[in-house]
Amino acid sequence: MNSHLSITLQTLDKSFIVIGYGNDLRSDDGIGPRVANEVEAWGLPNVKSLALHQLTPEIADTIKDVDGVIFVDACQLPDVQEVQVLTIEAEETGKSMTHNVDPRSLLALSQTLYNHHPHAWCINVPAVNFEMGETLSSVAEKGVVEALEKINFILLEQTHHHEY
């Protein structure tokens, strides 16, 4: 992507983390990790990425010191036909904080434990195949490309702003 140099020059004073999660052995469920690995390959300073099987409470410690976090996950909902980018806020879900943690509850946990949570986005990528396998469907492949473009845009946009 042509804008990587621009991001490289501008991200020196802000830090970001891209967290892609899902099971990469269940076809399209591996969208999140695939996106996170691609972002890691960009090699941008102050932009880290994590490819995870699932979100866990320990991630609150990982996100507590960054300016922005982008969560990426596969989405299998009939009304989600395109990649969605949602700005999210901390929200207590009432769930046990042991398994199946979601992005909003992680932000809330970071706020509770460290009195801070980063600006956050959730990128939902359309998925159609969750069968055993490591190959993404054409819908998911297209979604990965779009998700990477959206991450690129978020990073560019946020590095142009000094305040959230």
Protein backbone atom coordinates (compact mmCIF):
# COMPACT_ATOMS: atom_id res chain seq x y z
CA MET A 1 0.00 0.00 0.00
CA ASN A 2 1.32 3.43 -0.96
CA SER A 3 0.24 5.08 2.26
CA HIS A 4 2.50 2.95 4.49
CA LEU A 5 5.33 5.46 4.27
CA SER A 6 2.94 8.22 5.28
CA ILE A 7 1.72 6.15 8.24
CA THR A 8 5.32 5.26 9.16
CA LEU A 9 6.26 8.92 9.36
CA GLN A 10 3.19 9.86 11.37
CA THR A 11 2.75 7.02 13.86
CA LEU A 12 5.88 7.82 15.80
CA ASP A 13 3.92 9.65 18.53
CA LYS A 14 0.92 7.29 18.76
CA SER A 15 0.68 3.57 19.30
CA PHE A 16 -1.87 1.14 17.91
CA ILE A 17 -2.59 -2.54 18.15
CA VAL A 18 -4.61 -4.65 15.73
CA ILE A 19 -6.14 -7.73 17.34
CA GLY A 20 -7.46 -10.32 14.92
CA TYR A 21 -9.21 -13.23 16.54
CA GLY A 22 -10.83 -16.45 15.42
CA ASN A 23 -10.04 -20.08 14.70
CA ASP A 24 -7.83 -20.32 11.61
CA LEU A 25 -8.65 -24.04 11.34
CA ARG A 26 -12.34 -23.25 10.71
CA SER A 27 -12.06 -21.65 7.26
CA ASP A 28 -13.55 -18.11 7.30
CA ASP A 29 -13.31 -17.92 11.10
CA GLY A 30 -9.59 -17.35 10.48
CA ILE A 31 -10.23 -13.89 8.96
CA GLY A 32 -9.14 -12.02 12.10
CA PRO A 33 -5.79 -13.76 12.50
CA ARG A 34 -5.14 -13.45 8.75
CA VAL A 35 -5.69 -9.68 8.89
CA ALA A 36 -3.53 -9.31 12.02
CA ASN A 37 -0.67 -11.21 10.37
CA GLU A 38 -0.90 -9.01 7.27
CA VAL A 39 -0.74 -5.85 9.40
CA GLU A 40 2.30 -7.26 11.23
CA ALA A 41 3.97 -7.79 7.84
CA TRP A 42 3.59 -4.06 7.09
CA GLY A 43 6.33 -3.49 9.68
CA LEU A 44 5.00 -0.14 10.89
CA PRO A 45 6.57 1.40 13.98
CA ASN A 46 4.19 1.68 16.93
CA VAL A 47 1.63 -0.55 15.19
CA LYS A 48 1.59 -4.01 16.74
CA SER A 49 -0.70 -6.88 15.97
CA LEU A 50 -1.93 -10.00 17.69
CA ALA A 51 -3.42 -13.04 15.96
CA LEU A 52 -5.46 -14.88 18.58
CA HIS A 53 -7.79 -17.87 18.79
CA GLN A 54 -10.08 -15.95 21.18
CA LEU A 55 -10.12 -12.85 23.34
CA THR A 56 -9.15 -13.33 26.98
CA PRO A 57 -9.13 -10.99 30.00
CA GLU A 58 -5.31 -10.77 29.92
CA ILE A 59 -5.56 -8.66 26.77
CA ALA A 60 -6.72 -5.74 28.94
CA ASP A 61 -3.10 -5.49 30.11
CA THR A 62 -1.90 -5.47 26.48
CA ILE A 63 -4.20 -2.64 25.40
CA LYS A 64 -3.89 -0.42 28.47
CA ASP A 65 -1.00 1.67 27.12
CA VAL A 66 -1.92 2.08 23.45
CA ASP A 67 -3.71 5.05 21.89
CA GLY A 68 -5.90 2.91 19.64
CA VAL A 69 -6.98 -0.71 19.28
CA ILE A 70 -8.63 -2.30 16.26
CA PHE A 71 -10.43 -5.62 16.76
CA VAL A 72 -11.01 -7.77 13.66
CA ASP A 73 -13.37 -10.74 13.54
CA ALA A 74 -15.40 -12.84 11.12
CA CYS A 75 -19.10 -12.08 11.10
CA GLN A 76 -21.83 -14.46 9.96
CA LEU A 77 -25.01 -12.39 10.06
CA PRO A 78 -27.54 -12.11 7.23
CA ASP A 79 -27.57 -8.31 7.43
CA VAL A 80 -23.78 -8.00 7.24
CA GLN A 81 -22.86 -8.15 3.57
CA GLU A 82 -19.96 -5.68 3.67
CA VAL A 83 -17.05 -5.04 5.98
CA GLN A 84 -18.28 -2.96 8.91
CA VAL A 85 -16.17 -0.56 10.95
CA LEU A 86 -17.72 0.39 14.27
CA THR A 87 -16.31 2.75 16.87
CA ILE A 88 -16.84 1.01 20.18
CA GLU A 89 -16.88 2.07 23.81
CA ALA A 90 -16.29 0.22 27.06
CA GLU A 91 -19.34 -1.71 28.19
CA GLU A 92 -19.87 -4.18 30.99
CA THR A 93 -21.51 -7.24 29.51
CA GLY A 94 -22.34 -9.03 32.75
CA LYS A 95 -20.55 -12.11 31.41
CA SER A 96 -18.00 -14.01 33.40
CA MET A 97 -14.57 -12.61 32.66
CA THR A 98 -13.03 -16.01 32.02
CA HIS A 99 -13.93 -17.01 28.46
CA ASN A 100 -15.65 -15.52 25.44
CA VAL A 101 -14.67 -11.98 26.31
CA ASP A 102 -15.77 -9.39 23.74
CA PRO A 103 -14.03 -6.13 22.71
CA ARG A 104 -16.34 -3.86 24.75
CA SER A 105 -15.84 -5.87 27.93
CA LEU A 106 -12.06 -5.77 27.40
CA LEU A 107 -12.21 -1.98 27.19
CA ALA A 108 -14.29 -1.92 30.38
CA LEU A 109 -11.81 -4.22 32.13
CA SER A 110 -8.90 -2.01 31.04
CA GLN A 111 -10.78 1.03 32.40
CA THR A 112 -11.52 -0.73 35.69
CA LEU A 113 -8.01 -2.10 36.25
CA TYR A 114 -5.86 0.69 34.79
CA ASN A 115 -8.20 3.71 34.74
CA HIS A 116 -7.70 3.96 30.97
CA HIS A 117 -8.87 2.35 27.79
CA PRO A 118 -7.80 3.22 24.25
CA HIS A 119 -9.92 4.55 21.44
CA ALA A 120 -11.31 1.41 19.79
CA TRP A 121 -12.82 0.09 16.60
CA CYS A 122 -14.33 -3.25 15.70
CA ILE A 123 -14.08 -4.46 12.12
CA ASN A 124 -16.62 -7.15 11.25
CA VAL A 125 -15.79 -9.08 8.08
CA PRO A 126 -18.52 -11.09 6.31
CA ALA A 127 -17.96 -14.84 6.46
CA VAL A 128 -19.89 -17.75 4.99
CA ASN A 129 -17.87 -20.94 5.62
CA PHE A 130 -17.01 -22.18 9.12
CA GLU A 131 -16.26 -25.80 8.17
CA MET A 132 -12.93 -27.40 9.10
CA GLY A 133 -10.21 -26.13 6.81
CA GLU A 134 -7.65 -23.39 6.38
CA THR A 135 -8.89 -21.89 3.10
CA LEU A 136 -10.96 -18.74 3.09
CA SER A 137 -14.05 -18.40 0.89
CA SER A 138 -14.03 -15.79 -1.89
CA VAL A 139 -16.33 -13.64 0.27
CA ALA A 140 -13.82 -13.81 3.14
CA GLU A 141 -10.80 -13.16 0.87
CA LYS A 142 -12.51 -10.03 -0.45
CA GLY A 143 -13.33 -9.03 3.13
CA VAL A 144 -9.70 -9.41 4.23
CA VAL A 145 -8.59 -6.99 1.52
CA GLU A 146 -11.32 -4.51 2.50
CA ALA A 147 -10.48 -4.84 6.20
CA LEU A 148 -6.81 -4.08 5.49
CA GLU A 149 -7.85 -1.00 3.51
CA LYS A 150 -10.07 0.13 6.40
CA ILE A 151 -7.25 -0.38 8.93
CA ASN A 152 -4.95 1.62 6.67
CA PHE A 153 -7.57 4.40 6.57
CA ILE A 154 -8.06 4.38 10.37
CA LEU A 155 -4.32 4.64 10.96
CA LEU A 156 -3.97 7.49 8.48
CA GLU A 157 -6.97 9.32 9.88
CA GLN A 158 -5.90 8.92 13.52
CA THR A 159 -2.31 9.97 12.91
CA HIS A 160 -3.61 13.22 11.40
CA HIS A 161 -5.48 14.03 14.64
CA HIS A 162 -3.70 14.97 17.82
CA GLU A 163 -6.78 14.42 20.00
CA TYR A 164 -9.40 11.70 19.97
